Amino acid sequence: MDEAAQISVSADGYAIGAFIGYLVILIGIGAYTARFSSRGISEYFIGGRTVNRYVVALSAVVSGRSAWLLLGVTGMAYTMGPSAIWAVLGYIVVELFLFLYYARRLRNFTEQRDCITVPDFFAARFDDKDGWLRILIVTIFLIFMIGYVSAQFVAGGKAFASGFGISMNSGILLTAVIVVLYTIMGGFMAVSLTDMVQAVFMILSLIVLPWIAIANFGGLMEMLSELGRMDMMYVDPFAISVGAAIGFLGIGLGSPGNPHILSRYMSIDKSSHLTTVAVVGTIWNVLMAWGAVFIGLAGRAWFPEIDMLPAGDTENLFPLLAREQLHPVLFGVVLASIFAAIMSTADSQLLVAASSLVRDIYDKLIHKGDEIPQKRLVGLSRIVVLMLVVLSLGFGYLAEDLVFWLVLFAWAGLGASIGPASILALFWKGTTRTGVMAGMVAGTAVTIGWYFTPALSNLMYELIPGFLAGLSVTWLVSLVTSPAPDTKRAFRDMFTEE
């Protein structure tokens, strides 16, 4: 048994009962939505464009946060104090813009052109007759998403190890099994409905835990005084360099390039409902972000030395603090919230990757022009989801990076390659197919090269230079190449309400 397991809580019946109850809800939702999702790939991958505005709001928010928020940001706040808030401010602002402006255009266009996937959108927008644009996008998805999903499984393994005292490898396997069960059964509708349930678990944990921990310490002022005596950086949100703050703010640039977020915008029943989505989603984003930061601060007050954490790993702070401060039932809820963050991202990414292979490669390229029964496509999609889980599991067992940094790398890669192209495609009618392809390659190459060059990665988060490279190359190449004949009409479709 590893060190984290040795100091973890024993398998308390109340905590296990609360956690099992949460899992029963997830599997029940998967079974409930299985029949609807079996109707066709539109239902399986984007809920048939019938998803309620509140479900979209919560699903879009929690699927974008993953274990990075609950384990990574809490650990960051433990290490560097309230200046960790800069890491969440960027995505809150960017996603508000996406909800209000970007999402409406994407939803309108995909309705008009019957697009089910993000590659579908690009193919229709730029008249991708030979399929090379689809192939490029699917390749980028697979490069980054396998690592992204693997990071969620590793986070689940850590949570099981620190929460229930089992080995990390067993925890990784259990996480994958739970995710695959309801995702295969219920598809996008199951994923969206479980996201809504998971959003409630997450917000309860992120509000209740820091409130109780701070109260038990003697109140907010007492805690801040103690943190100030340790080091003033633990009470100063500006105890950070300008370069680091810019890098953290740049995290938000990943949102328009991560397809598991974009698919939520495509699934809503009416684009006019996106204003409500913006309000609800932003409030939820703010509450979760502040909760994560205060958990980190409370954790530093309660555990001033890092070797007091399981395995000396700051990503174990959240479950450890919950174990020490909460009743076993509430501790079970906190563990459920960690898995909520993990599963809400992993299941969404699995569906995106599967949809790219089934819809964009098998259906649109290999069997182009053929009439394939919808039930066969759904069945194949379920098999592909299972295969991707197995592949992600293998990578997860071999991964050595911390969850926080592995997620940030995948987030950066998708954001830098897909983000600039999608923004220009939606807001500039002069964007060309050649420009988009060149920009995607540039964004991907710069992100990977920057990440693996220590002198550069220490200077700035790779998403920022990658995003700027993708944006500038797409723009410059579009200026000197000709758009497809259908470009103007395609651009008008973004303003046509359903």
Foldseek 3Di string as FASTA:
>chain_A
DALLLVPADAQDPLLVVLQVVLLVVLLVLLQVQQVQLLQFVLCQQQNVLADALLLLLLLLQLLVCFLCLQQVLLLVCLVQALLSLLLLVQQLVLVLCCLPPVLLLLQLLCVVQVARFPLSLLCVQFVVPQQPSLVLLLVLLVVQLLLLLLLLLQLQLLLCCNHHSDHSLVSSVVLLVSLLSSCLRRHPSSLSVSSSVLLVLLLCLLPVLLVQLQVVCPHDVSLQVLLVVVPVSNVDSPPDDPQVSVQSSLLNLLSLQDRLSSSSSNNHNFSVSSVVSSVSNSVSSVSSNVSSSSLSSSLCSVPVDLVVARVSRSSRSSLVSCVVRHDSNSSSSSSSSNSSSSSSNSSSSLSNSLCSCLVSPVVCPVVNPDDDRRSVSSVSSSVSSVVSSVSSSVVSVVDDDNSNVSNSLSSLLSSLQRSLLSVCSQPPLLFHPVLSSQLNVQLNVQSVVQCPPVVNVVRHRSSVVSNVSSNVSRVVVSVVDHGDPCSVVSNVSSVDTD
